[in-house]
Amino acid sequence: MRFEGVYTPIITPYLDDYSVDWEGFERVVEHLVESGVHGIITAGTTGEYYAQSREERLALMKRTKELVSGRVPVIAGVGALRTEDAEDYARAAQKAGVDAVLLGAPYYAMPTERELVRHALSVDRAADLPVMLYNFPSRTGVNMGREFLDRVGRSGNFCAIKEASGDPTRLHMLAREYPHIQVSCGMDDQALEFFAWGARSWVCGASNFLPREHIALWRACVVDNDFEEGRRLMKAFLPLLELMEGGGKFVQNIKHGCLLEGMPAGPPRKPLRGLTKEEKRELATIRRTLKAAFTTATGQANGDIQTEGRGRHVAAGNA
């Protein structure tokens, strides 16, 4: 599978009693597809999978695939602490007909690279689907290093990695030594660097509420190869991305951003709590400034930002 474009790890809207807002979820899916995102990821950390029951995760996976109805690829997060649970989610993803799975290291357990290899290969055998790895050592405690990549790279299913270490030398290493594993930007405030090093996809939580702006930046760098324009747009993005990556309230900011756009989101599930009034004001100001800067930089109103190019990906199958 070729990953090209902006992939949104979709939020899970909740009602005031913290139950899933299924009508709201349908609205979010339609909004993202209509806005031109290139794929939707269900059961990512932005979707708060860690705070959901198995039944909820499976139902959201199935419903996402039904709502998208083949218009863009659907990727299912199958991360879990237990290998057996990750295998179970992978089998469910295959049954639901998703196009690929997203797999990170089990959190807290801190497996060695060889143990992590066995974990990943077990999940691969359970589903036999394209896999986007997710390297996020600040949350899992382990890096997907060379030994791991050498071993799993022998399977053609491991075709991409969402790199969220924040370490530029990792980006250089992946681009230079593992050209057969597509690098996807997973560190939003380094998007320009990822695109300069050949990344052609971006998994970005804030595209839940600013999809067209994310697509415009991706398009400038990846499709048009116009890094002068890319730098202008990135300058407009940086205050938001720095807030998202460094503020410690990633999910809360995304959910409130959706509310500012008139989209259903609801509160984050416990143990997380919503933003304070001051934090809401800060996000609203940054969002408003970003939108104005994009209008100035592109010469287009936000609703008119060019988002063509979604059909450039290969929807399914190994390539």
C-alpha atoms as a PDB file:
ATOM      1  CA  MET A   1       0.000   0.000   0.000  1.00  0.00           C
ATOM      2  CA  ARG A   2       1.220   3.485  -0.832  1.00  0.00           C
ATOM      3  CA  PHE A   3       0.494   6.136   1.788  1.00  0.00           C
ATOM      4  CA  GLU A   4       0.069   9.559   0.209  1.00  0.00           C
ATOM      5  CA  GLY A   5      -1.529  12.618   1.707  1.00  0.00           C
ATOM      6  CA  VAL A   6      -3.110  13.676   4.979  1.00  0.00           C
ATOM      7  CA  TYR A   7      -4.423  10.889   7.217  1.00  0.00           C
ATOM      8  CA  THR A   8      -6.646  11.959  10.094  1.00  0.00           C
ATOM      9  CA  PRO A   9      -6.677   9.967  13.346  1.00  0.00           C
ATOM     10  CA  ILE A  10     -10.341  10.636  13.960  1.00  0.00           C
ATOM     11  CA  ILE A  11     -11.650  11.809  17.314  1.00  0.00           C
ATOM     12  CA  THR A  12     -14.427   9.987  19.145  1.00  0.00           C
ATOM     13  CA  PRO A  13     -17.220  12.430  20.031  1.00  0.00           C
ATOM     14  CA  TYR A  14     -18.858  11.755  23.391  1.00  0.00           C
ATOM     15  CA  LEU A  15     -22.117  12.864  24.936  1.00  0.00           C
ATOM     16  CA  ASP A  16     -22.190  14.515  28.347  1.00  0.00           C
ATOM     17  CA  ASP A  17     -22.451  11.097  30.009  1.00  0.00           C
ATOM     18  CA  TYR A  18     -19.270   9.995  28.163  1.00  0.00           C
ATOM     19  CA  SER A  19     -21.107   7.521  25.927  1.00  0.00           C
ATOM     20  CA  VAL A  20     -20.202   7.534  22.226  1.00  0.00           C
ATOM     21  CA  ASP A  21     -22.066  10.164  20.225  1.00  0.00           C
ATOM     22  CA  TRP A  22     -22.785   8.033  17.156  1.00  0.00           C
ATOM     23  CA  GLU A  23     -24.635  10.761  15.251  1.00  0.00           C
ATOM     24  CA  GLY A  24     -21.794  13.148  15.978  1.00  0.00           C
ATOM     25  CA  PHE A  25     -19.262  10.558  14.839  1.00  0.00           C
ATOM     26  CA  GLU A  26     -21.055  10.256  11.505  1.00  0.00           C
ATOM     27  CA  ARG A  27     -20.873  14.047  11.077  1.00  0.00           C
ATOM     28  CA  VAL A  28     -17.141  14.069  11.768  1.00  0.00           C
ATOM     29  CA  VAL A  29     -16.485  11.287   9.251  1.00  0.00           C
ATOM     30  CA  GLU A  30     -18.484  13.081   6.553  1.00  0.00           C
ATOM     31  CA  HIS A  31     -16.771  16.379   7.302  1.00  0.00           C
ATOM     32  CA  LEU A  32     -13.318  14.845   6.936  1.00  0.00           C
ATOM     33  CA  VAL A  33     -14.086  12.994   3.714  1.00  0.00           C
ATOM     34  CA  GLU A  34     -15.766  16.026   2.167  1.00  0.00           C
ATOM     35  CA  SER A  35     -12.830  18.217   3.199  1.00  0.00           C
ATOM     36  CA  GLY A  36     -10.494  16.061   1.147  1.00  0.00           C
ATOM     37  CA  VAL A  37      -8.421  14.076   3.639  1.00  0.00           C
ATOM     38  CA  HIS A  38      -6.699  11.098   2.051  1.00  0.00           C
ATOM     39  CA  GLY A  39      -7.465   8.545   4.751  1.00  0.00           C
ATOM     40  CA  ILE A  40      -9.020   8.078   8.188  1.00  0.00           C
ATOM     41  CA  ILE A  41      -7.438   6.274  11.126  1.00  0.00           C
ATOM     42  CA  THR A  42      -9.733   4.771  13.720  1.00  0.00           C
ATOM     43  CA  ALA A  43      -8.618   3.687  17.215  1.00  0.00           C
ATOM     44  CA  GLY A  44      -5.639   6.000  17.308  1.00  0.00           C
ATOM     45  CA  THR A  45      -4.594   7.723  20.509  1.00  0.00           C
ATOM     46  CA  THR A  46      -6.363  10.866  19.247  1.00  0.00           C
ATOM     47  CA  GLY A  47      -9.526   8.749  19.200  1.00  0.00           C
ATOM     48  CA  GLU A  48      -8.911   7.836  22.882  1.00  0.00           C
ATOM     49  CA  TYR A  49      -8.829   4.081  22.253  1.00  0.00           C
ATOM     50  CA  TYR A  50      -7.037   3.595  25.574  1.00  0.00           C
ATOM     51  CA  ALA A  51     -10.186   4.787  27.385  1.00  0.00           C
ATOM     52  CA  GLN A  52     -12.577   2.553  25.436  1.00  0.00           C
ATOM     53  CA  SER A  53     -13.861  -0.956  25.905  1.00  0.00           C
ATOM     54  CA  ARG A  54     -13.102  -3.696  23.389  1.00  0.00           C
ATOM     55  CA  GLU A  55     -16.707  -3.562  22.217  1.00  0.00           C
ATOM     56  CA  GLU A  56     -16.521   0.190  21.606  1.00  0.00           C
ATOM     57  CA  ARG A  57     -13.262  -0.086  19.679  1.00  0.00           C
ATOM     58  CA  LEU A  58     -14.636  -2.811  17.435  1.00  0.00           C
ATOM     59  CA  ALA A  59     -17.912  -0.957  16.876  1.00  0.00           C
ATOM     60  CA  LEU A  60     -16.076   2.270  15.945  1.00  0.00           C
ATOM     61  CA  MET A  61     -13.813   0.361  13.575  1.00  0.00           C
ATOM     62  CA  LYS A  62     -16.752  -1.262  11.822  1.00  0.00           C
ATOM     63  CA  ARG A  63     -18.805   1.940  11.700  1.00  0.00           C
ATOM     64  CA  THR A  64     -15.906   3.959  10.273  1.00  0.00           C
ATOM     65  CA  LYS A  65     -15.526   1.507   7.411  1.00  0.00           C
ATOM     66  CA  GLU A  66     -19.270   1.567   6.748  1.00  0.00           C
ATOM     67  CA  LEU A  67     -19.497   5.361   6.742  1.00  0.00           C
ATOM     68  CA  VAL A  68     -16.440   5.890   4.566  1.00  0.00           C
ATOM     69  CA  SER A  69     -17.764   3.296   2.106  1.00  0.00           C
ATOM     70  CA  GLY A  70     -14.599   3.046   0.041  1.00  0.00           C
ATOM     71  CA  ARG A  71     -14.161   6.768  -0.579  1.00  0.00           C
ATOM     72  CA  VAL A  72     -10.782   6.870   1.187  1.00  0.00           C
ATOM     73  CA  PRO A  73      -8.685   4.193   2.900  1.00  0.00           C
ATOM     74  CA  VAL A  74      -9.486   3.309   6.513  1.00  0.00           C
ATOM     75  CA  ILE A  75      -6.636   2.361   8.831  1.00  0.00           C
ATOM     76  CA  ALA A  76      -7.384   0.697  12.154  1.00  0.00           C
ATOM     77  CA  GLY A  77      -5.212   1.125  15.202  1.00  0.00           C
ATOM     78  CA  VAL A  78      -4.575  -2.272  16.772  1.00  0.00           C
ATOM     79  CA  GLY A  79      -2.270  -1.234  19.583  1.00  0.00           C
ATOM     80  CA  ALA A  80      -2.628  -3.056  22.895  1.00  0.00           C
ATOM     81  CA  LEU A  81      -0.526  -3.968  25.906  1.00  0.00           C
ATOM     82  CA  ARG A  82      -1.110  -7.710  25.409  1.00  0.00           C
ATOM     83  CA  THR A  83       0.010  -9.292  22.143  1.00  0.00           C
ATOM     84  CA  GLU A  84      -3.099 -11.469  22.202  1.00  0.00           C
ATOM     85  CA  ASP A  85      -5.316  -8.385  22.302  1.00  0.00           C
ATOM     86  CA  ALA A  86      -3.439  -6.726  19.444  1.00  0.00           C
ATOM     87  CA  GLU A  87      -3.886  -9.926  17.421  1.00  0.00           C
ATOM     88  CA  ASP A  88      -7.594  -9.880  18.230  1.00  0.00           C
ATOM     89  CA  TYR A  89      -7.957  -6.280  17.032  1.00  0.00           C
ATOM     90  CA  ALA A  90      -5.991  -7.101  13.883  1.00  0.00           C
ATOM     91  CA  ARG A  91      -8.288 -10.023  13.051  1.00  0.00           C
ATOM     92  CA  ALA A  92     -11.300  -7.767  13.656  1.00  0.00           C
ATOM     93  CA  ALA A  93      -9.784  -5.143  11.360  1.00  0.00           C
ATOM     94  CA  GLN A  94      -9.391  -7.716   8.607  1.00  0.00           C
ATOM     95  CA  LYS A  95     -12.978  -8.865   9.092  1.00  0.00           C
ATOM     96  CA  ALA A  96     -14.219  -5.273   8.943  1.00  0.00           C
ATOM     97  CA  GLY A  97     -12.460  -4.819   5.609  1.00  0.00           C
ATOM     98  CA  VAL A  98     -10.109  -2.007   6.576  1.00  0.00           C
ATOM     99  CA  ASP A  99      -7.221  -1.189   4.254  1.00  0.00           C
ATOM    100  CA  ALA A 100      -4.338  -1.277   6.752  1.00  0.00           C
ATOM    101  CA  VAL A 101      -3.502  -1.333  10.455  1.00  0.00           C
ATOM    102  CA  LEU A 102      -1.517   1.022  12.668  1.00  0.00           C
ATOM    103  CA  LEU A 103       0.732  -0.726  15.192  1.00  0.00           C
ATOM    104  CA  GLY A 104       2.766   0.819  17.992  1.00  0.00           C
ATOM    105  CA  ALA A 105       4.849  -0.775  20.719  1.00  0.00           C
ATOM    106  CA  PRO A 106       2.972  -1.948  23.819  1.00  0.00           C
ATOM    107  CA  TYR A 107       3.075   0.872  26.335  1.00  0.00           C
ATOM    108  CA  TYR A 108       4.705   0.438  29.756  1.00  0.00           C
ATOM    109  CA  ALA A 109       6.002  -3.100  29.074  1.00  0.00           C
ATOM    110  CA  MET A 110       9.170  -1.747  27.377  1.00  0.00           C
ATOM    111  CA  PRO A 111      10.007  -4.881  25.350  1.00  0.00           C
ATOM    112  CA  THR A 112      13.460  -5.437  23.897  1.00  0.00           C
ATOM    113  CA  GLU A 113      13.779  -5.082  20.144  1.00  0.00           C
ATOM    114  CA  ARG A 114      13.612  -8.856  19.685  1.00  0.00           C
ATOM    115  CA  GLU A 115      10.525  -9.067  21.876  1.00  0.00           C
ATOM    116  CA  LEU A 116       8.981  -6.221  19.901  1.00  0.00           C
ATOM    117  CA  VAL A 117       9.767  -8.089  16.663  1.00  0.00           C
ATOM    118  CA  ARG A 118       7.874 -11.144  17.909  1.00  0.00           C
ATOM    119  CA  HIS A 119       4.959  -8.935  18.938  1.00  0.00           C
ATOM    120  CA  ALA A 120       4.766  -7.212  15.552  1.00  0.00           C
ATOM    121  CA  LEU A 121       5.142 -10.407  13.524  1.00  0.00           C
ATOM    122  CA  SER A 122       2.408 -12.097  15.573  1.00  0.00           C
ATOM    123  CA  VAL A 123       0.034  -9.249  14.759  1.00  0.00           C
ATOM    124  CA  ASP A 124       1.071  -9.415  11.107  1.00  0.00           C
ATOM    125  CA  ARG A 125       0.276 -13.133  10.946  1.00  0.00           C
ATOM    126  CA  ALA A 126      -3.110 -12.545  12.574  1.00  0.00           C
ATOM    127  CA  ALA A 127      -4.358 -10.199   9.862  1.00  0.00           C
ATOM    128  CA  ASP A 128      -2.021 -10.213   6.841  1.00  0.00           C
ATOM    129  CA  LEU A 129      -2.785  -6.538   6.129  1.00  0.00           C
ATOM    130  CA  PRO A 130      -0.504  -3.616   5.253  1.00  0.00           C
ATOM    131  CA  VAL A 131       1.018  -2.224   8.453  1.00  0.00           C
ATOM    132  CA  MET A 132       1.959   1.328   9.322  1.00  0.00           C
ATOM    133  CA  LEU A 133       4.248   1.139  12.334  1.00  0.00           C
ATOM    134  CA  TYR A 134       3.989   3.856  14.974  1.00  0.00           C
ATOM    135  CA  ASN A 135       7.202   4.872  16.690  1.00  0.00           C
ATOM    136  CA  PHE A 136       6.403   7.057  19.695  1.00  0.00           C
ATOM    137  CA  PRO A 137       9.075   6.349  22.341  1.00  0.00           C
ATOM    138  CA  SER A 138       8.048   9.180  24.668  1.00  0.00           C
ATOM    139  CA  ARG A 139       4.767   7.317  25.254  1.00  0.00           C
ATOM    140  CA  THR A 140       5.897   3.683  24.948  1.00  0.00           C
ATOM    141  CA  GLY A 141       9.416   3.867  26.380  1.00  0.00           C
ATOM    142  CA  VAL A 142      11.038   2.018  23.461  1.00  0.00           C
ATOM    143  CA  ASN A 143      12.390   2.951  20.040  1.00  0.00           C
ATOM    144  CA  MET A 144      11.832   0.884  16.913  1.00  0.00           C
ATOM    145  CA  GLY A 145      15.542   0.591  16.173  1.00  0.00           C
ATOM    146  CA  ARG A 146      17.591  -0.941  13.394  1.00  0.00           C
ATOM    147  CA  GLU A 147      17.366  -4.514  14.696  1.00  0.00           C
ATOM    148  CA  PHE A 148      13.581  -4.254  14.802  1.00  0.00           C
ATOM    149  CA  LEU A 149      13.299  -2.612  11.387  1.00  0.00           C
ATOM    150  CA  ASP A 150      15.691  -5.108   9.794  1.00  0.00           C
ATOM    151  CA  ARG A 151      13.616  -8.038  11.008  1.00  0.00           C
ATOM    152  CA  VAL A 152      10.090  -6.786  10.343  1.00  0.00           C
ATOM    153  CA  GLY A 153      11.163  -5.208   7.059  1.00  0.00           C
ATOM    154  CA  ARG A 154      11.494  -8.702   5.608  1.00  0.00           C
ATOM    155  CA  SER A 155       7.692  -8.865   5.527  1.00  0.00           C
ATOM    156  CA  GLY A 156       6.220  -6.811   2.710  1.00  0.00           C
ATOM    157  CA  ASN A 157       3.268  -5.912   4.925  1.00  0.00           C
ATOM    158  CA  PHE A 158       5.398  -3.535   7.015  1.00  0.00           C
ATOM    159  CA  CYS A 159       5.308  -0.786   4.432  1.00  0.00           C
ATOM    160  CA  ALA A 160       5.284   2.464   6.434  1.00  0.00           C
ATOM    161  CA  ILE A 161       6.213   4.021   9.751  1.00  0.00           C
ATOM    162  CA  LYS A 162       4.632   6.968  11.491  1.00  0.00           C
ATOM    163  CA  GLU A 163       7.698   8.521  13.081  1.00  0.00           C
ATOM    164  CA  ALA A 164       6.941  10.527  16.212  1.00  0.00           C
ATOM    165  CA  SER A 165      10.229  10.389  18.095  1.00  0.00           C
ATOM    166  CA  GLY A 166      11.020  14.047  17.414  1.00  0.00           C
ATOM    167  CA  ASP A 167      14.631  13.053  16.678  1.00  0.00           C
ATOM    168  CA  PRO A 168      15.817  14.419  13.291  1.00  0.00           C
ATOM    169  CA  THR A 169      18.569  11.807  13.125  1.00  0.00           C
ATOM    170  CA  ARG A 170      15.883   9.114  13.141  1.00  0.00           C
ATOM    171  CA  LEU A 171      14.286  10.747  10.122  1.00  0.00           C
ATOM    172  CA  HIS A 172      17.632  10.799   8.322  1.00  0.00           C
ATOM    173  CA  MET A 173      18.304   7.168   9.203  1.00  0.00           C
ATOM    174  CA  LEU A 174      14.895   5.993   8.003  1.00  0.00           C
ATOM    175  CA  ALA A 175      15.114   7.898   4.728  1.00  0.00           C
ATOM    176  CA  ARG A 176      18.647   6.718   4.021  1.00  0.00           C
ATOM    177  CA  GLU A 177      18.680   3.124   5.266  1.00  0.00           C
ATOM    178  CA  TYR A 178      15.047   1.967   4.900  1.00  0.00           C
ATOM    179  CA  PRO A 179      13.724   3.347   1.602  1.00  0.00           C
ATOM    180  CA  HIS A 180      11.349   0.363   1.344  1.00  0.00           C
ATOM    181  CA  ILE A 181       9.521   1.550   4.487  1.00  0.00           C
ATOM    182  CA  GLN A 182       7.613   4.756   3.749  1.00  0.00           C
ATOM    183  CA  VAL A 183       8.193   7.486   6.311  1.00  0.00           C
ATOM    184  CA  SER A 184       5.058   9.274   7.469  1.00  0.00           C
ATOM    185  CA  CYS A 185       5.244  12.487   9.465  1.00  0.00           C
ATOM    186  CA  GLY A 186       4.093  11.870  13.018  1.00  0.00           C
ATOM    187  CA  MET A 187       5.698  14.935  14.610  1.00  0.00           C
ATOM    188  CA  ASP A 188       3.576  17.822  13.456  1.00  0.00           C
ATOM    189  CA  ASP A 189       5.966  20.677  14.187  1.00  0.00           C
ATOM    190  CA  GLN A 190       8.572  18.937  11.997  1.00  0.00           C
ATOM    191  CA  ALA A 191       6.280  18.425   8.981  1.00  0.00           C
ATOM    192  CA  LEU A 192       8.427  20.561   6.674  1.00  0.00           C
ATOM    193  CA  GLU A 193      11.540  18.537   7.546  1.00  0.00           C
ATOM    194  CA  PHE A 194       9.717  15.269   6.882  1.00  0.00           C
ATOM    195  CA  PHE A 195       8.527  16.461   3.476  1.00  0.00           C
ATOM    196  CA  ALA A 196      12.028  17.675   2.598  1.00  0.00           C
ATOM    197  CA  TRP A 197      13.334  14.172   3.345  1.00  0.00           C
ATOM    198  CA  GLY A 198      10.798  12.524   1.091  1.00  0.00           C
ATOM    199  CA  ALA A 199       7.828  11.773   3.345  1.00  0.00           C
ATOM    200  CA  ARG A 200       4.654  11.745   1.280  1.00  0.00           C
ATOM    201  CA  SER A 201       2.110  11.325   4.063  1.00  0.00           C
ATOM    202  CA  TRP A 202       1.217  13.076   7.295  1.00  0.00           C
ATOM    203  CA  VAL A 203      -0.750  11.590  10.192  1.00  0.00           C
ATOM    204  CA  CYS A 204      -1.944  14.710  11.986  1.00  0.00           C
ATOM    205  CA  GLY A 205      -4.474  14.985  14.796  1.00  0.00           C
ATOM    206  CA  ALA A 206      -5.227  18.666  14.245  1.00  0.00           C
ATOM    207  CA  SER A 207      -6.547  17.839  10.768  1.00  0.00           C
ATOM    208  CA  ASN A 208      -9.717  16.856  12.620  1.00  0.00           C
ATOM    209  CA  PHE A 209     -10.543  20.567  12.767  1.00  0.00           C
ATOM    210  CA  LEU A 210      -8.238  22.102  10.149  1.00  0.00           C
ATOM    211  CA  PRO A 211      -8.205  19.517   7.346  1.00  0.00           C
ATOM    212  CA  ARG A 212      -7.982  21.932   4.418  1.00  0.00           C
ATOM    213  CA  GLU A 213      -5.070  23.831   5.932  1.00  0.00           C
ATOM    214  CA  HIS A 214      -3.119  20.611   6.521  1.00  0.00           C
ATOM    215  CA  ILE A 215      -3.830  19.462   2.972  1.00  0.00           C
ATOM    216  CA  ALA A 216      -2.677  22.821   1.599  1.00  0.00           C
ATOM    217  CA  LEU A 217       0.691  22.485   3.351  1.00  0.00           C
ATOM    218  CA  TRP A 218       1.079  18.864   2.269  1.00  0.00           C
ATOM    219  CA  ARG A 219       0.157  19.757  -1.297  1.00  0.00           C
ATOM    220  CA  ALA A 220       2.602  22.665  -1.493  1.00  0.00           C
ATOM    221  CA  CYS A 221       5.524  20.484  -0.403  1.00  0.00           C
ATOM    222  CA  VAL A 222       4.704  17.022  -1.756  1.00  0.00           C
ATOM    223  CA  VAL A 223       2.646  17.629  -4.888  1.00  0.00           C
ATOM    224  CA  ASP A 224       3.937  21.012  -6.070  1.00  0.00           C
ATOM    225  CA  ASN A 225       7.448  20.708  -4.598  1.00  0.00           C
ATOM    226  CA  ASP A 226       7.138  24.370  -3.660  1.00  0.00           C
ATOM    227  CA  PHE A 227       9.030  24.638  -0.406  1.00  0.00           C
ATOM    228  CA  GLU A 228       9.012  28.419  -0.491  1.00  0.00           C
ATOM    229  CA  GLU A 229       5.220  28.238  -0.233  1.00  0.00           C
ATOM    230  CA  GLY A 230       5.598  25.415   2.255  1.00  0.00           C
ATOM    231  CA  ARG A 231       7.713  27.593   4.528  1.00  0.00           C
ATOM    232  CA  ARG A 232       5.160  30.407   4.391  1.00  0.00           C
ATOM    233  CA  LEU A 233       2.374  28.034   5.365  1.00  0.00           C
ATOM    234  CA  MET A 234       4.486  26.327   8.018  1.00  0.00           C
ATOM    235  CA  LYS A 235       5.189  29.668   9.678  1.00  0.00           C
ATOM    236  CA  ALA A 236       1.443  30.147  10.009  1.00  0.00           C
ATOM    237  CA  PHE A 237       1.091  26.630  11.421  1.00  0.00           C
ATOM    238  CA  LEU A 238       3.920  26.666  13.952  1.00  0.00           C
ATOM    239  CA  PRO A 239       2.157  28.381  16.895  1.00  0.00           C
ATOM    240  CA  LEU A 240      -0.637  25.795  16.718  1.00  0.00           C
ATOM    241  CA  LEU A 241       1.673  22.818  16.193  1.00  0.00           C
ATOM    242  CA  GLU A 242       3.986  23.903  18.994  1.00  0.00           C
ATOM    243  CA  LEU A 243       0.958  24.192  21.283  1.00  0.00           C
ATOM    244  CA  MET A 244      -0.257  20.738  20.229  1.00  0.00           C
ATOM    245  CA  GLU A 245       3.105  19.005  20.615  1.00  0.00           C
ATOM    246  CA  GLY A 246       4.340  20.799  23.706  1.00  0.00           C
ATOM    247  CA  GLY A 247       1.265  21.752  25.666  1.00  0.00           C
ATOM    248  CA  GLY A 248       0.534  18.375  27.243  1.00  0.00           C
ATOM    249  CA  LYS A 249      -3.140  18.507  26.247  1.00  0.00           C
ATOM    250  CA  PHE A 250      -3.122  17.122  22.724  1.00  0.00           C
ATOM    251  CA  VAL A 251      -6.528  15.425  22.696  1.00  0.00           C
ATOM    252  CA  GLN A 252      -8.190  18.260  24.621  1.00  0.00           C
ATOM    253  CA  ASN A 253      -6.945  20.864  22.149  1.00  0.00           C
ATOM    254  CA  ILE A 254      -8.123  18.841  19.173  1.00  0.00           C
ATOM    255  CA  LYS A 255     -11.558  18.288  20.651  1.00  0.00           C
ATOM    256  CA  HIS A 256     -11.980  21.954  21.496  1.00  0.00           C
ATOM    257  CA  GLY A 257     -10.749  22.869  18.027  1.00  0.00           C
ATOM    258  CA  CYS A 258     -13.527  20.727  16.591  1.00  0.00           C
ATOM    259  CA  LEU A 259     -16.058  22.534  18.756  1.00  0.00           C
ATOM    260  CA  LEU A 260     -14.732  25.888  17.490  1.00  0.00           C
ATOM    261  CA  GLU A 261     -15.363  24.617  13.945  1.00  0.00           C
ATOM    262  CA  GLY A 262     -18.937  23.705  14.860  1.00  0.00           C
ATOM    263  CA  MET A 263     -18.232  19.968  14.902  1.00  0.00           C
ATOM    264  CA  PRO A 264     -19.350  17.564  17.644  1.00  0.00           C
ATOM    265  CA  ALA A 265     -16.613  16.465  20.000  1.00  0.00           C
ATOM    266  CA  GLY A 266     -17.776  16.364  23.593  1.00  0.00           C
ATOM    267  CA  PRO A 267     -15.453  16.012  26.559  1.00  0.00           C
ATOM    268  CA  PRO A 268     -12.384  13.787  26.705  1.00  0.00           C
ATOM    269  CA  ARG A 269     -12.848  10.654  28.754  1.00  0.00           C
ATOM    270  CA  LYS A 270     -11.340  10.316  32.192  1.00  0.00           C
ATOM    271  CA  PRO A 271      -8.676  10.593  33.422  1.00  0.00           C
ATOM    272  CA  LEU A 272      -8.305  13.543  31.006  1.00  0.00           C
ATOM    273  CA  ARG A 273     -10.139  16.776  31.694  1.00  0.00           C
ATOM    274  CA  GLY A 274     -11.118  19.563  29.323  1.00  0.00           C
ATOM    275  CA  LEU A 275      -9.259  22.818  28.764  1.00  0.00           C
ATOM    276  CA  THR A 276      -9.440  25.719  31.177  1.00  0.00           C
ATOM    277  CA  LYS A 277     -11.061  28.988  30.033  1.00  0.00           C
ATOM    278  CA  GLU A 278      -7.614  30.504  29.532  1.00  0.00           C
ATOM    279  CA  GLU A 279      -6.460  27.537  27.446  1.00  0.00           C
ATOM    280  CA  LYS A 280      -9.612  27.729  25.331  1.00  0.00           C
ATOM    281  CA  ARG A 281      -8.982  31.408  24.660  1.00  0.00           C
ATOM    282  CA  GLU A 282      -5.375  30.697  23.684  1.00  0.00           C
ATOM    283  CA  LEU A 283      -6.401  27.992  21.206  1.00  0.00           C
ATOM    284  CA  ALA A 284      -9.162  30.168  19.749  1.00  0.00           C
ATOM    285  CA  THR A 285      -6.712  33.032  19.213  1.00  0.00           C
ATOM    286  CA  ILE A 286      -4.103  30.779  17.578  1.00  0.00           C
ATOM    287  CA  ARG A 287      -6.723  29.177  15.337  1.00  0.00           C
ATOM    288  CA  ARG A 288      -8.110  32.544  14.258  1.00  0.00           C
ATOM    289  CA  THR A 289      -4.626  33.883  13.475  1.00  0.00           C
ATOM    290  CA  LEU A 290      -3.725  30.726  11.549  1.00  0.00           C
ATOM    291  CA  LYS A 291      -6.831  30.941   9.386  1.00  0.00           C
ATOM    292  CA  ALA A 292      -6.163  34.591   8.603  1.00  0.00           C
ATOM    293  CA  ALA A 293      -2.534  33.817   7.729  1.00  0.00           C
ATOM    294  CA  PHE A 294      -3.590  31.015   5.383  1.00  0.00           C
ATOM    295  CA  THR A 295      -6.051  33.297   3.650  1.00  0.00           C
ATOM    296  CA  THR A 296      -3.268  35.844   3.148  1.00  0.00           C
ATOM    297  CA  ALA A 297      -0.682  33.264   2.054  1.00  0.00           C
ATOM    298  CA  THR A 298      -2.914  31.418  -0.403  1.00  0.00           C
ATOM    299  CA  GLY A 299      -5.093  34.287  -1.535  1.00  0.00           C
ATOM    300  CA  GLN A 300      -8.122  32.100  -0.890  1.00  0.00           C
ATOM    301  CA  ALA A 301     -10.770  31.900   1.789  1.00  0.00           C
ATOM    302  CA  ASN A 302     -10.427  28.904   4.102  1.00  0.00           C
ATOM    303  CA  GLY A 303     -13.316  27.065   2.524  1.00  0.00           C
ATOM    304  CA  ASP A 304     -11.718  27.502  -0.906  1.00  0.00           C
ATOM    305  CA  ILE A 305      -8.216  26.245  -0.090  1.00  0.00           C
ATOM    306  CA  GLN A 306      -7.134  23.876  -2.832  1.00  0.00           C
ATOM    307  CA  THR A 307      -7.256  20.251  -1.737  1.00  0.00           C
ATOM    308  CA  GLU A 308      -7.037  18.327  -4.998  1.00  0.00           C
ATOM    309  CA  GLY A 309      -4.822  15.265  -5.159  1.00  0.00           C
ATOM    310  CA  ARG A 310      -6.691  12.830  -2.941  1.00  0.00           C
ATOM    311  CA  GLY A 311      -6.870  10.243  -5.699  1.00  0.00           C
ATOM    312  CA  ARG A 312      -3.093   9.918  -5.893  1.00  0.00           C
ATOM    313  CA  HIS A 313      -2.835   7.109  -3.309  1.00  0.00           C
ATOM    314  CA  VAL A 314      -3.167   3.405  -4.020  1.00  0.00           C
ATOM    315  CA  ALA A 315      -6.216   2.388  -2.033  1.00  0.00           C
ATOM    316  CA  ALA A 316      -5.223  -1.118  -1.009  1.00  0.00           C
ATOM    317  CA  GLY A 317      -2.845  -4.011  -1.504  1.00  0.00           C
ATOM    318  CA  ASN A 318       0.929  -4.224  -1.234  1.00  0.00           C
ATOM    319  CA  ALA A 319       2.940  -2.175  -3.678  1.00  0.00           C
END
